Protein backbone atom coordinates (compact mmCIF):
# COMPACT_ATOMS: atom_id res chain seq x y z
CA UNK A 1 -42.65 -127.41 -14.46
CA UNK A 2 -46.35 -127.32 -15.27
CA UNK A 3 -48.10 -130.09 -17.14
CA UNK A 4 -49.32 -129.27 -20.66
CA UNK A 5 -53.03 -128.50 -20.70
CA UNK A 6 -55.17 -129.93 -23.47
CA UNK A 7 -58.67 -128.73 -24.35
CA UNK A 8 -60.70 -131.71 -25.64
CA UNK A 9 -63.94 -131.04 -27.50
CA UNK A 10 -66.35 -133.79 -28.54
CA UNK A 11 -70.14 -134.04 -28.36
CA UNK A 12 -69.92 -137.76 -27.45
CA UNK A 13 -69.52 -137.80 -23.67
CA UNK A 14 -68.23 -141.40 -23.45
CA UNK A 15 -65.55 -140.76 -26.07
CA UNK A 16 -64.60 -137.50 -24.39
CA UNK A 17 -64.33 -139.11 -20.95
CA UNK A 18 -62.15 -141.90 -22.30
CA UNK A 19 -59.86 -139.43 -24.05
CA UNK A 20 -59.61 -137.35 -20.88
CA UNK A 21 -58.67 -140.41 -18.81
CA UNK A 22 -56.04 -141.52 -21.34
CA UNK A 23 -54.43 -138.08 -21.50
CA UNK A 24 -54.38 -137.70 -17.72
CA UNK A 25 -52.67 -141.10 -17.46
CA UNK A 26 -49.94 -139.71 -19.72
CA UNK A 27 -49.33 -136.60 -17.64
CA UNK A 28 -51.56 -133.99 -19.23
CA UNK A 29 -54.02 -131.65 -17.58
CA UNK A 30 -57.29 -131.82 -19.48
CA UNK A 31 -60.20 -129.42 -19.88
CA UNK A 32 -63.25 -130.92 -21.59
CA UNK A 33 -66.20 -129.54 -23.48
CA UNK A 34 -69.12 -131.20 -25.24
CA UNK A 35 -69.91 -128.03 -27.18
CA UNK A 36 -68.03 -126.21 -29.90
CA UNK A 37 -69.43 -122.87 -28.75
CA UNK A 38 -68.56 -123.52 -25.11
CA UNK A 39 -65.03 -124.49 -26.15
CA UNK A 40 -64.51 -121.03 -27.63
CA UNK A 41 -65.28 -119.49 -24.23
CA UNK A 42 -62.92 -121.95 -22.56
CA UNK A 43 -60.14 -121.10 -25.00
CA UNK A 44 -60.43 -117.46 -23.97
CA UNK A 45 -60.45 -118.18 -20.24
CA UNK A 46 -58.06 -121.14 -19.82
CA UNK A 47 -54.38 -121.26 -20.75
CA UNK A 48 -54.20 -124.32 -23.01
CA UNK A 49 -51.25 -125.77 -24.90
CA UNK A 50 -53.32 -127.56 -27.57
CA UNK A 51 -56.86 -128.36 -28.65
CA UNK A 52 -58.20 -131.74 -29.70
CA UNK A 53 -61.38 -131.11 -31.63
CA UNK A 54 -64.02 -133.41 -33.08
CA UNK A 55 -64.90 -132.62 -36.70
CA UNK A 56 -68.59 -133.61 -36.76
CA UNK A 57 -70.62 -131.98 -33.99
CA UNK A 58 -74.33 -131.08 -33.98
CA UNK A 59 -74.42 -127.36 -33.18
CA UNK A 60 -71.34 -126.22 -35.10
CA UNK A 61 -68.90 -128.25 -37.17
CA UNK A 62 -65.33 -128.62 -35.96
CA UNK A 63 -63.82 -126.83 -38.96
CA UNK A 64 -65.81 -123.69 -38.10
CA UNK A 65 -64.79 -123.97 -34.43
CA UNK A 66 -61.13 -124.39 -35.47
CA UNK A 67 -61.31 -121.28 -37.64
CA UNK A 68 -62.77 -119.23 -34.77
CA UNK A 69 -60.20 -120.65 -32.35
CA UNK A 70 -57.35 -119.61 -34.65
CA UNK A 71 -58.77 -116.09 -34.72
CA UNK A 72 -58.75 -116.04 -30.90
CA UNK A 73 -55.46 -117.85 -30.25
CA UNK A 74 -53.48 -118.51 -33.46
CA UNK A 75 -50.51 -119.90 -31.54
CA UNK A 76 -52.48 -122.82 -30.06
CA UNK A 77 -52.17 -125.96 -32.19
CA UNK A 78 -55.39 -127.79 -33.08
CA UNK A 79 -55.72 -131.48 -33.83
CA UNK A 80 -58.91 -132.36 -35.68
CA UNK A 81 -60.35 -135.82 -35.01
CA UNK A 82 -62.97 -137.63 -37.01
CA UNK A 83 -64.64 -141.01 -37.13
CA UNK A 84 -64.40 -140.57 -40.90
CA UNK A 85 -60.96 -141.48 -42.23
CA UNK A 86 -61.31 -138.88 -44.96
CA UNK A 87 -62.26 -135.29 -44.25
CA UNK A 88 -62.39 -132.64 -47.00
CA UNK A 89 -59.13 -130.67 -47.24
CA UNK A 90 -61.10 -127.44 -46.89
CA UNK A 91 -62.29 -128.61 -43.47
CA UNK A 92 -58.71 -128.86 -42.26
CA UNK A 93 -57.56 -125.34 -43.20
CA UNK A 94 -57.41 -124.19 -39.57
CA UNK A 95 -56.22 -127.49 -38.12
CA UNK A 96 -52.54 -128.19 -37.51
CA UNK A 97 -53.00 -131.96 -37.50
CA UNK A 98 -55.62 -134.56 -38.37
CA UNK A 99 -56.14 -137.98 -36.82
CA UNK A 100 -58.75 -140.66 -37.31
CA UNK A 101 -60.63 -141.64 -34.16
CA UNK A 102 -59.92 -145.26 -35.06
CA UNK A 103 -56.17 -145.07 -34.37
CA UNK A 104 -54.89 -147.06 -31.39
CA UNK A 105 -54.56 -145.18 -28.08
CA UNK A 106 -50.74 -145.25 -28.24
CA UNK A 107 -50.76 -143.52 -31.63
CA UNK A 108 -53.24 -140.93 -30.35
CA UNK A 109 -51.06 -140.12 -27.32
CA UNK A 110 -47.95 -139.94 -29.52
CA UNK A 111 -49.70 -137.49 -31.86
CA UNK A 112 -50.75 -135.32 -28.91
CA UNK A 113 -47.19 -135.39 -27.59
CA UNK A 114 -45.91 -134.26 -30.99
CA UNK A 115 -48.46 -131.45 -30.98
CA UNK A 116 -47.19 -130.03 -27.68
CA UNK A 117 -43.57 -131.29 -27.71
CA UNK A 118 -40.93 -129.24 -25.90
CA UNK A 119 -43.21 -126.29 -25.25
CA UNK A 120 -42.29 -124.51 -28.47
CA UNK A 121 -45.08 -123.19 -30.66
CA UNK A 122 -46.27 -125.75 -33.17
CA UNK A 123 -45.54 -123.60 -36.21
CA UNK A 124 -41.94 -123.02 -35.15
CA UNK A 125 -41.39 -126.78 -34.78
CA UNK A 126 -43.03 -127.44 -38.15
CA UNK A 127 -40.92 -124.79 -39.86
CA UNK A 128 -37.72 -126.15 -38.29
CA UNK A 129 -38.63 -129.66 -39.46
CA UNK A 130 -39.05 -128.48 -43.05
CA UNK A 131 -35.83 -126.46 -42.99
CA UNK A 132 -33.98 -129.60 -41.87
CA UNK A 133 -35.59 -131.68 -44.63
CA UNK A 134 -34.72 -129.11 -47.28
CA UNK A 135 -31.10 -128.88 -46.17
CA UNK A 136 -30.62 -132.69 -46.15
């Protein structure tokens, strides 16, 4: 069985390297990019199971990158990260999850696991969750 592959995008190299190391420790393959535009090319050329994307980047904001990524690969779940605890709702339209960069590493890894859990597409898992809640 292959390891899930995560595409991590952040313009801060130290943060990106730390995130890569943490995810590799927890059994993920990781592809990194310091550029939103470069990450779009990577998404087209690498089979990834999820994207972890910084919101505030210099060349192109994460919400725009997420929108373009969803046009390319709508089935790939995207987690938006931000140093800001509050991001405008409009910025999260194309993101499947949001997490503050200030959460502890264990919570970050748990959120990533939830994003790629059991290999099923994120939307199918989300829909199943809501069907179960409605029937309870």
